[in-house]
Each structure stands twice: as C-alpha cells, then as structure tokens.
Amino acid sequence: MRLVLTSLSGTRRLAGILAGAVSGENPGALLLHGDLGAGKTTFTAAFVRALPGGSEAETSSPSFTICNIYCTEPTVHHFDLYRLEPGLPDESLEESLDDPSTLTVIEWPERLSPAGLPSDGLVLRFFRGELETERPVELFALGPVGGRCLSLVAEALGDVLTL
C-alpha cells in the first residue's frame, strides 16, 4: 500500500488508524525505514499518542538512549538504531521482540542483521516528497499479524491514498 501524507494531521490520522489496528492482539513490530528527516519519529510520536494511555506521553527520538518505553496499551518500546553499529545485536531489543504484550517500534531496522529482524509486523517506508510537507509512505506486511494490521488500515482508508 502506498499513501502520501500531506500534513501533520495526515500523519496523525494514519497513526491513529494504525493504533486502532494493533489494539487488543499481539501487536508484533513496526519497522520504520527512511532517511534522516523523513518523518519516522514524528509518526512514532503520533502513534504513541493515539494509543490508550498515550495522550500525555512525552515522546522523543531515542537516538542516544537507543530505547524509550511508553506506558500505553500495549506498551511501546521505541528503538532508534541509527547510532548502533550495523549487525550488532541489542539484548533489550531481543527481549522486547520476544514479549507478546509489547509493541516494538524500530527506526533504522536495516542496521539489524537479517537474523535479528522480526518475522511479524508491519513495515513503513517513509520518503521525502516533492513538497516539504509531503511524505510518501509505503506499508507492507510481515507475517499474519502484519497482514491483519495492513488489512485493517486498508479497510479504514478505503480508496483514500492521500492524507
């Protein structure tokens, strides 16, 4: 699925739809790809705030801490692997991915070894658009949980391809 986010409100709308799609089941993982400034952390902040318990969450990029934890429902572990050496395992990431009650959001998942990548979840690829406010995003599923999430997002959006 390919969408074009044309504003912060469009990013918030997609985040809200996705937050609704992951509620109530093993949430899997969200893998966020994109260049610096493409909108990964902005999307994550909107996503966390859209989850139950997240309206007051103070979100930030965990570039230096590697992981931020948000007490939402489900609990979100937000990893930013930009500063991690490519291919190095991160024990806290492995624990997060093994916890069925935690939703793991990973920025820069390409820094993981292929064996360290989750097998289920949703991949979002953010791109810079022609306009400064434009953010094309591609979504695709990994595994059955990711497939269900993607179906729910597609159902909620219908024929809308621009937010």
N, C-alpha and C. Protein backbone atom coordinates (compact mmCIF):
# COMPACT_ATOMS: atom_id res chain seq x y z
N MET A 1 0.85 -1.16 0.00
CA MET A 1 0.00 0.00 0.00
C MET A 1 0.90 1.23 0.00
N ARG A 2 0.55 2.20 -0.82
CA ARG A 2 1.32 3.45 -0.88
C ARG A 2 0.38 4.62 -0.65
N LEU A 3 0.75 5.49 0.28
CA LEU A 3 -0.02 6.69 0.63
C LEU A 3 0.87 7.90 0.52
N VAL A 4 0.26 9.06 0.45
CA VAL A 4 1.01 10.31 0.53
C VAL A 4 0.44 11.10 1.70
N LEU A 5 1.29 11.34 2.69
CA LEU A 5 0.92 12.16 3.83
C LEU A 5 1.25 13.60 3.46
N THR A 6 0.25 14.48 3.48
CA THR A 6 0.46 15.85 3.02
C THR A 6 0.56 16.85 4.16
N SER A 7 0.38 16.37 5.39
CA SER A 7 0.41 17.29 6.52
C SER A 7 0.61 16.50 7.81
N LEU A 8 0.84 17.22 8.88
CA LEU A 8 0.95 16.58 10.19
C LEU A 8 -0.38 15.92 10.57
N SER A 9 -1.49 16.53 10.18
CA SER A 9 -2.79 15.92 10.50
C SER A 9 -2.97 14.60 9.74
N GLY A 10 -2.43 14.50 8.53
CA GLY A 10 -2.47 13.24 7.79
C GLY A 10 -1.63 12.17 8.47
N THR A 11 -0.46 12.58 8.99
CA THR A 11 0.40 11.65 9.74
C THR A 11 -0.34 11.17 10.99
N ARG A 12 -0.99 12.10 11.68
CA ARG A 12 -1.75 11.73 12.88
C ARG A 12 -2.90 10.80 12.55
N ARG A 13 -3.55 11.04 11.43
CA ARG A 13 -4.68 10.17 11.03
C ARG A 13 -4.19 8.75 10.77
N LEU A 14 -3.12 8.61 9.99
CA LEU A 14 -2.58 7.27 9.72
C LEU A 14 -2.14 6.61 11.02
N ALA A 15 -1.48 7.36 11.91
CA ALA A 15 -1.03 6.81 13.19
C ALA A 15 -2.22 6.35 14.02
N GLY A 16 -3.30 7.12 14.02
CA GLY A 16 -4.49 6.74 14.77
C GLY A 16 -5.14 5.48 14.22
N ILE A 17 -5.20 5.38 12.91
CA ILE A 17 -5.76 4.17 12.28
C ILE A 17 -4.91 2.96 12.65
N LEU A 18 -3.61 3.12 12.57
CA LEU A 18 -2.71 2.00 12.89
C LEU A 18 -2.78 1.65 14.38
N ALA A 19 -2.91 2.66 15.24
CA ALA A 19 -3.04 2.40 16.68
C ALA A 19 -4.30 1.58 16.96
N GLY A 20 -5.38 1.89 16.26
CA GLY A 20 -6.60 1.10 16.41
C GLY A 20 -6.43 -0.32 15.90
N ALA A 21 -5.62 -0.49 14.87
CA ALA A 21 -5.42 -1.81 14.28
C ALA A 21 -4.59 -2.73 15.17
N VAL A 22 -3.72 -2.18 16.01
CA VAL A 22 -2.87 -3.05 16.84
C VAL A 22 -3.46 -3.28 18.22
N SER A 23 -4.51 -2.58 18.57
CA SER A 23 -5.09 -2.74 19.91
C SER A 23 -5.75 -4.11 20.04
N GLY A 24 -5.52 -4.74 21.18
CA GLY A 24 -6.23 -5.96 21.51
C GLY A 24 -5.65 -7.26 21.01
N GLU A 25 -4.49 -7.25 20.41
CA GLU A 25 -3.87 -8.51 19.99
C GLU A 25 -2.36 -8.39 20.12
N ASN A 26 -1.67 -9.49 19.91
CA ASN A 26 -0.21 -9.45 19.90
C ASN A 26 0.19 -8.45 18.84
N PRO A 27 0.74 -7.33 19.25
CA PRO A 27 0.96 -6.24 18.30
C PRO A 27 2.13 -6.41 17.34
N GLY A 28 3.04 -7.34 17.59
CA GLY A 28 4.16 -7.50 16.68
C GLY A 28 5.12 -6.33 16.71
N ALA A 29 5.57 -5.90 15.53
CA ALA A 29 6.57 -4.83 15.45
C ALA A 29 6.24 -3.89 14.30
N LEU A 30 6.67 -2.65 14.45
CA LEU A 30 6.63 -1.69 13.35
C LEU A 30 8.06 -1.38 12.98
N LEU A 31 8.41 -1.60 11.73
CA LEU A 31 9.76 -1.33 11.24
C LEU A 31 9.69 -0.08 10.37
N LEU A 32 10.37 0.97 10.80
CA LEU A 32 10.29 2.26 10.13
C LEU A 32 11.59 2.56 9.38
N HIS A 33 11.48 2.64 8.07
CA HIS A 33 12.62 2.95 7.20
C HIS A 33 12.47 4.37 6.69
N GLY A 34 13.58 5.00 6.38
CA GLY A 34 13.55 6.33 5.77
C GLY A 34 14.79 7.12 6.13
N ASP A 35 15.13 8.05 5.26
CA ASP A 35 16.29 8.91 5.50
C ASP A 35 16.07 9.77 6.74
N LEU A 36 17.14 10.41 7.20
CA LEU A 36 17.01 11.39 8.29
C LEU A 36 16.00 12.45 7.87
N GLY A 37 15.09 12.78 8.77
CA GLY A 37 14.10 13.80 8.49
C GLY A 37 12.93 13.37 7.65
N ALA A 38 12.80 12.07 7.39
CA ALA A 38 11.70 11.60 6.55
C ALA A 38 10.38 11.49 7.30
N GLY A 39 10.40 11.54 8.63
CA GLY A 39 9.15 11.52 9.38
C GLY A 39 8.94 10.33 10.29
N LYS A 40 9.97 9.52 10.49
CA LYS A 40 9.82 8.31 11.32
C LYS A 40 9.48 8.63 12.77
N THR A 41 10.22 9.55 13.38
CA THR A 41 9.98 9.89 14.78
C THR A 41 8.68 10.68 14.93
N THR A 42 8.36 11.53 13.99
CA THR A 42 7.09 12.26 14.02
C THR A 42 5.93 11.29 13.98
N PHE A 43 6.01 10.29 13.10
CA PHE A 43 4.97 9.27 13.03
C PHE A 43 4.88 8.51 14.35
N THR A 44 6.02 8.12 14.91
CA THR A 44 6.02 7.35 16.16
C THR A 44 5.37 8.15 17.28
N ALA A 45 5.67 9.44 17.38
CA ALA A 45 5.07 10.27 18.41
C ALA A 45 3.54 10.31 18.25
N ALA A 46 3.06 10.47 17.04
CA ALA A 46 1.61 10.49 16.79
C ALA A 46 0.99 9.13 17.09
N PHE A 47 1.70 8.07 16.75
CA PHE A 47 1.22 6.71 17.00
C PHE A 47 1.09 6.45 18.50
N VAL A 48 2.13 6.79 19.27
CA VAL A 48 2.11 6.59 20.72
C VAL A 48 0.97 7.39 21.35
N ARG A 49 0.79 8.62 20.92
CA ARG A 49 -0.28 9.47 21.49
C ARG A 49 -1.67 8.95 21.14
N ALA A 50 -1.80 8.21 20.05
CA ALA A 50 -3.10 7.67 19.64
C ALA A 50 -3.48 6.39 20.40
N LEU A 51 -2.51 5.76 21.05
CA LEU A 51 -2.80 4.55 21.82
C LEU A 51 -3.44 4.88 23.16
N PRO A 52 -4.25 3.98 23.72
CA PRO A 52 -4.77 4.22 25.07
C PRO A 52 -3.64 4.46 26.06
N GLY A 53 -3.76 5.55 26.83
CA GLY A 53 -2.73 5.92 27.80
C GLY A 53 -1.62 6.77 27.23
N GLY A 54 -1.65 7.06 25.95
CA GLY A 54 -0.56 7.80 25.32
C GLY A 54 -0.79 9.28 25.13
N SER A 55 -1.97 9.78 25.49
CA SER A 55 -2.28 11.18 25.19
C SER A 55 -1.35 12.17 25.89
N GLU A 56 -0.79 11.77 27.01
CA GLU A 56 0.12 12.66 27.74
C GLU A 56 1.59 12.25 27.59
N ALA A 57 1.85 11.26 26.77
CA ALA A 57 3.23 10.75 26.62
C ALA A 57 4.14 11.82 26.04
N GLU A 58 5.30 11.95 26.65
CA GLU A 58 6.32 12.85 26.11
C GLU A 58 7.25 12.00 25.26
N THR A 59 7.05 12.06 23.97
CA THR A 59 7.84 11.24 23.06
C THR A 59 9.02 12.02 22.54
N SER A 60 10.09 11.29 22.29
CA SER A 60 11.29 11.89 21.70
C SER A 60 12.06 10.80 20.99
N SER A 61 13.00 11.22 20.19
CA SER A 61 13.83 10.25 19.49
C SER A 61 14.81 9.62 20.47
N PRO A 62 14.88 8.30 20.51
CA PRO A 62 15.85 7.65 21.40
C PRO A 62 17.21 7.45 20.73
N SER A 63 17.65 8.43 19.94
CA SER A 63 18.91 8.30 19.20
C SER A 63 20.10 8.00 20.10
N PHE A 64 20.14 8.61 21.27
CA PHE A 64 21.29 8.42 22.16
C PHE A 64 21.04 7.37 23.22
N THR A 65 19.77 7.17 23.60
CA THR A 65 19.45 6.17 24.63
C THR A 65 19.14 4.81 24.02
N ILE A 66 18.98 4.73 22.72
CA ILE A 66 18.63 3.55 21.93
C ILE A 66 17.15 3.16 22.10
N CYS A 67 16.60 3.24 23.34
CA CYS A 67 15.21 2.82 23.54
C CYS A 67 14.48 3.74 24.51
N ASN A 68 13.25 4.10 24.13
CA ASN A 68 12.31 4.76 25.03
C ASN A 68 11.14 3.81 25.23
N ILE A 69 10.61 3.79 26.44
CA ILE A 69 9.46 2.94 26.75
C ILE A 69 8.29 3.85 27.11
N TYR A 70 7.14 3.57 26.49
CA TYR A 70 5.94 4.36 26.73
C TYR A 70 4.88 3.46 27.35
N CYS A 71 4.31 3.91 28.46
CA CYS A 71 3.32 3.13 29.21
C CYS A 71 1.94 3.34 28.60
N THR A 72 1.75 2.74 27.47
CA THR A 72 0.49 2.78 26.75
C THR A 72 -0.10 1.38 26.75
N GLU A 73 -1.21 1.21 26.06
CA GLU A 73 -1.80 -0.12 25.91
C GLU A 73 -1.90 -0.44 24.44
N PRO A 74 -1.07 -1.29 23.88
CA PRO A 74 0.02 -2.04 24.52
C PRO A 74 1.22 -1.13 24.83
N THR A 75 2.11 -1.61 25.69
CA THR A 75 3.35 -0.91 25.99
C THR A 75 4.17 -0.81 24.71
N VAL A 76 4.74 0.35 24.47
CA VAL A 76 5.56 0.56 23.28
C VAL A 76 7.02 0.69 23.69
N HIS A 77 7.87 -0.09 23.04
CA HIS A 77 9.32 0.04 23.16
C HIS A 77 9.78 0.63 21.83
N HIS A 78 10.29 1.86 21.88
CA HIS A 78 10.68 2.60 20.68
C HIS A 78 12.21 2.61 20.57
N PHE A 79 12.73 1.91 19.58
CA PHE A 79 14.16 1.80 19.36
C PHE A 79 14.58 2.66 18.17
N ASP A 80 15.68 3.36 18.33
CA ASP A 80 16.31 4.08 17.22
C ASP A 80 17.72 3.51 17.09
N LEU A 81 17.96 2.77 16.03
CA LEU A 81 19.23 2.05 15.87
C LEU A 81 20.24 2.81 15.03
N TYR A 82 19.99 4.08 14.76
CA TYR A 82 20.86 4.87 13.89
C TYR A 82 22.31 4.85 14.37
N ARG A 83 22.54 4.95 15.67
CA ARG A 83 23.89 5.01 16.21
C ARG A 83 24.48 3.65 16.54
N LEU A 84 23.70 2.60 16.33
CA LEU A 84 24.17 1.25 16.61
C LEU A 84 25.01 0.76 15.42
N GLU A 85 26.10 0.10 15.71
CA GLU A 85 26.91 -0.48 14.64
C GLU A 85 26.07 -1.52 13.88
N PRO A 86 26.07 -1.47 12.55
CA PRO A 86 25.27 -2.43 11.79
C PRO A 86 25.61 -3.88 12.18
N GLY A 87 24.54 -4.67 12.34
CA GLY A 87 24.71 -6.09 12.62
C GLY A 87 24.88 -6.45 14.08
N LEU A 88 25.10 -5.46 14.95
CA LEU A 88 25.27 -5.78 16.37
C LEU A 88 23.93 -6.10 17.01
N PRO A 89 23.87 -7.15 17.79
CA PRO A 89 22.61 -7.45 18.48
C PRO A 89 22.40 -6.49 19.65
N ASP A 90 21.17 -6.27 20.01
CA ASP A 90 20.84 -5.47 21.17
C ASP A 90 19.93 -6.33 22.05
N GLU A 91 20.41 -6.68 23.25
CA GLU A 91 19.67 -7.60 24.11
C GLU A 91 18.30 -7.06 24.48
N SER A 92 18.18 -5.76 24.73
CA SER A 92 16.88 -5.22 25.10
C SER A 92 15.91 -5.29 23.93
N LEU A 93 16.41 -5.17 22.71
CA LEU A 93 15.56 -5.32 21.53
C LEU A 93 15.07 -6.75 21.41
N GLU A 94 15.96 -7.71 21.60
CA GLU A 94 15.56 -9.11 21.53
C GLU A 94 14.50 -9.43 22.57
N GLU A 95 14.66 -8.92 23.78
CA GLU A 95 13.67 -9.14 24.84
C GLU A 95 12.33 -8.51 24.46
N SER A 96 12.38 -7.31 23.91
CA SER A 96 11.15 -6.63 23.51
C SER A 96 10.42 -7.42 22.44
N LEU A 97 11.15 -7.92 21.44
CA LEU A 97 10.52 -8.67 20.36
C LEU A 97 9.94 -10.00 20.84
N ASP A 98 10.50 -10.55 21.92
CA ASP A 98 10.01 -11.81 22.46
C ASP A 98 8.80 -11.63 23.38
N ASP A 99 8.49 -10.40 23.78
CA ASP A 99 7.39 -10.13 24.71
C ASP A 99 6.10 -9.92 23.92
N PRO A 100 5.14 -10.85 24.03
CA PRO A 100 3.91 -10.74 23.24
C PRO A 100 3.00 -9.59 23.65
N SER A 101 3.26 -8.94 24.79
CA SER A 101 2.41 -7.84 25.22
C SER A 101 3.00 -6.48 24.83
N THR A 102 4.14 -6.48 24.18
CA THR A 102 4.84 -5.25 23.83
C THR A 102 4.81 -5.02 22.33
N LEU A 103 4.58 -3.78 21.95
CA LEU A 103 4.71 -3.39 20.55
C LEU A 103 6.09 -2.75 20.40
N THR A 104 6.88 -3.28 19.51
CA THR A 104 8.23 -2.78 19.31
C THR A 104 8.27 -1.93 18.04
N VAL A 105 8.66 -0.68 18.19
CA VAL A 105 8.83 0.22 17.06
C VAL A 105 10.33 0.38 16.84
N ILE A 106 10.78 0.10 15.62
CA ILE A 106 12.22 0.14 15.33
C ILE A 106 12.48 1.10 14.18
N GLU A 107 13.19 2.18 14.49
CA GLU A 107 13.70 3.06 13.45
C GLU A 107 15.07 2.54 13.03
N TRP A 108 15.34 2.57 11.75
CA TRP A 108 16.59 2.09 11.17
C TRP A 108 16.76 0.57 11.36
N PRO A 109 15.74 -0.23 11.05
CA PRO A 109 15.87 -1.69 11.22
C PRO A 109 16.90 -2.31 10.29
N GLU A 110 17.28 -1.58 9.25
CA GLU A 110 18.30 -2.11 8.33
C GLU A 110 19.65 -2.28 9.02
N ARG A 111 19.81 -1.71 10.21
CA ARG A 111 21.05 -1.87 10.97
C ARG A 111 21.12 -3.23 11.67
N LEU A 112 20.00 -3.94 11.73
CA LEU A 112 19.99 -5.27 12.34
C LEU A 112 20.50 -6.30 11.35
N SER A 113 21.04 -7.37 11.88
CA SER A 113 21.38 -8.49 10.99
C SER A 113 20.07 -9.12 10.55
N PRO A 114 20.04 -9.79 9.41
CA PRO A 114 18.79 -10.42 8.97
C PRO A 114 18.20 -11.36 10.02
N ALA A 115 19.04 -12.03 10.78
CA ALA A 115 18.55 -12.93 11.82
C ALA A 115 17.89 -12.17 12.97
N GLY A 116 18.23 -10.90 13.14
CA GLY A 116 17.67 -10.10 14.23
C GLY A 116 16.36 -9.41 13.89
N LEU A 117 15.96 -9.47 12.62
CA LEU A 117 14.72 -8.83 12.21
C LEU A 117 13.51 -9.62 12.67
N PRO A 118 12.45 -8.95 13.10
CA PRO A 118 11.24 -9.67 13.47
C PRO A 118 10.60 -10.31 12.25
N SER A 119 9.89 -11.39 12.47
CA SER A 119 9.25 -12.10 11.36
C SER A 119 7.80 -11.69 11.18
N ASP A 120 7.27 -10.89 12.11
CA ASP A 120 5.87 -10.48 12.01
C ASP A 120 5.74 -9.01 12.39
N GLY A 121 4.93 -8.32 11.67
CA GLY A 121 4.71 -6.90 11.95
C GLY A 121 4.42 -6.15 10.67
N LEU A 122 4.63 -4.86 10.74
CA LEU A 122 4.33 -4.00 9.62
C LEU A 122 5.55 -3.15 9.30
N VAL A 123 5.86 -3.02 8.03
CA VAL A 123 6.97 -2.20 7.57
C VAL A 123 6.40 -0.91 6.98
N LEU A 124 6.97 0.21 7.40
CA LEU A 124 6.60 1.51 6.84
C LEU A 124 7.87 2.15 6.29
N ARG A 125 7.85 2.51 5.02
CA ARG A 125 8.98 3.19 4.39
C ARG A 125 8.55 4.62 4.09
N PHE A 126 9.26 5.57 4.72
CA PHE A 126 8.96 6.98 4.56
C PHE A 126 9.93 7.59 3.54
N PHE A 127 9.39 8.46 2.70
CA PHE A 127 10.18 9.14 1.68
C PHE A 127 9.94 10.64 1.79
N ARG A 128 10.88 11.40 1.29
CA ARG A 128 10.66 12.84 1.17
C ARG A 128 9.89 13.08 -0.12
N GLY A 129 8.90 13.95 -0.04
CA GLY A 129 8.09 14.25 -1.21
C GLY A 129 8.65 15.41 -1.99
N GLU A 130 7.96 15.76 -3.05
CA GLU A 130 8.37 16.90 -3.86
C GLU A 130 8.19 18.20 -3.10
N LEU A 131 7.17 18.26 -2.26
CA LEU A 131 6.93 19.42 -1.41
C LEU A 131 7.48 19.13 -0.02
N GLU A 132 7.87 20.16 0.72
CA GLU A 132 8.43 19.99 2.06
C GLU A 132 7.48 19.26 3.00
N THR A 133 6.17 19.50 2.84
CA THR A 133 5.18 18.90 3.74
C THR A 133 4.72 17.52 3.29
N GLU A 134 5.19 17.07 2.16
CA GLU A 134 4.73 15.81 1.59
C GLU A 134 5.62 14.64 2.03
N ARG A 135 5.00 13.56 2.49
CA ARG A 135 5.73 12.37 2.90
C ARG A 135 5.07 11.13 2.31
N PRO A 136 5.52 10.67 1.14
CA PRO A 136 5.02 9.39 0.67
C PRO A 136 5.44 8.28 1.64
N VAL A 137 4.57 7.33 1.86
CA VAL A 137 4.88 6.21 2.75
C VAL A 137 4.32 4.93 2.13
N GLU A 138 5.15 3.89 2.17
CA GLU A 138 4.73 2.57 1.70
C GLU A 138 4.58 1.68 2.92
N LEU A 139 3.52 0.89 2.95
CA LEU A 139 3.28 -0.05 4.04
C LEU A 139 3.21 -1.45 3.45
N PHE A 140 3.88 -2.39 4.10
CA PHE A 140 3.69 -3.78 3.72
C PHE A 140 3.86 -4.67 4.93
N ALA A 141 3.25 -5.85 4.84
CA ALA A 141 3.14 -6.74 5.99
C ALA A 141 4.25 -7.78 6.01
N LEU A 142 4.61 -8.14 7.24
CA LEU A 142 5.46 -9.30 7.51
C LEU A 142 4.63 -10.22 8.39
N GLY A 143 4.31 -11.40 7.95
CA GLY A 143 3.61 -12.37 8.79
C GLY A 143 2.14 -12.07 8.98
N PRO A 144 1.45 -12.93 9.74
CA PRO A 144 0.00 -12.83 9.89
C PRO A 144 -0.47 -11.61 10.68
N VAL A 145 0.22 -11.21 11.73
CA VAL A 145 -0.19 -10.02 12.49
C VAL A 145 -0.05 -8.79 11.60
N GLY A 146 1.06 -8.67 10.91
CA GLY A 146 1.25 -7.56 9.98
C GLY A 146 0.19 -7.55 8.89
N GLY A 147 -0.16 -8.73 8.40
CA GLY A 147 -1.21 -8.83 7.38
C GLY A 147 -2.55 -8.35 7.88
N ARG A 148 -2.92 -8.73 9.12
CA ARG A 148 -4.18 -8.27 9.70
C ARG A 148 -4.16 -6.75 9.88
N CYS A 149 -3.05 -6.22 10.38
CA CYS A 149 -2.94 -4.76 10.57
C CYS A 149 -3.08 -4.03 9.24
N LEU A 150 -2.40 -4.51 8.23
CA LEU A 150 -2.46 -3.87 6.92
C LEU A 150 -3.88 -3.92 6.35
N SER A 151 -4.56 -5.04 6.54
CA SER A 151 -5.95 -5.15 6.08
C SER A 151 -6.86 -4.15 6.79
N LEU A 152 -6.67 -3.99 8.10
CA LEU A 152 -7.47 -3.03 8.86
C LEU A 152 -7.19 -1.60 8.43
N VAL A 153 -5.93 -1.29 8.15
CA VAL A 153 -5.58 0.05 7.66
C VAL A 153 -6.23 0.29 6.30
N ALA A 154 -6.13 -0.69 5.41
CA ALA A 154 -6.71 -0.56 4.07
C ALA A 154 -8.23 -0.39 4.16
N GLU A 155 -8.86 -1.15 5.05
CA GLU A 155 -10.31 -1.04 5.23
C GLU A 155 -10.69 0.35 5.75
N ALA A 156 -9.94 0.86 6.71
CA ALA A 156 -10.24 2.17 7.29
C ALA A 156 -10.04 3.31 6.27
N LEU A 157 -9.07 3.15 5.39
CA LEU A 157 -8.78 4.20 4.41
C LEU A 157 -9.66 4.11 3.17
N GLY A 158 -10.12 2.92 2.85
CA GLY A 158 -10.91 2.76 1.63
C GLY A 158 -10.08 3.13 0.41
N ASP A 159 -10.60 4.03 -0.39
CA ASP A 159 -9.90 4.45 -1.61
C ASP A 159 -9.02 5.67 -1.40
N VAL A 160 -8.91 6.15 -0.16
CA VAL A 160 -8.11 7.33 0.13
C VAL A 160 -6.63 7.00 0.04
N LEU A 161 -5.91 7.69 -0.80
CA LEU A 161 -4.47 7.47 -0.93
C LEU A 161 -3.65 8.68 -0.52
N THR A 162 -4.34 9.76 -0.21
CA THR A 162 -3.67 10.98 0.23
C THR A 162 -4.31 11.41 1.55
N LEU A 163 -3.48 11.64 2.56
CA LEU A 163 -3.99 12.08 3.87
C LEU A 163 -3.42 13.46 4.18
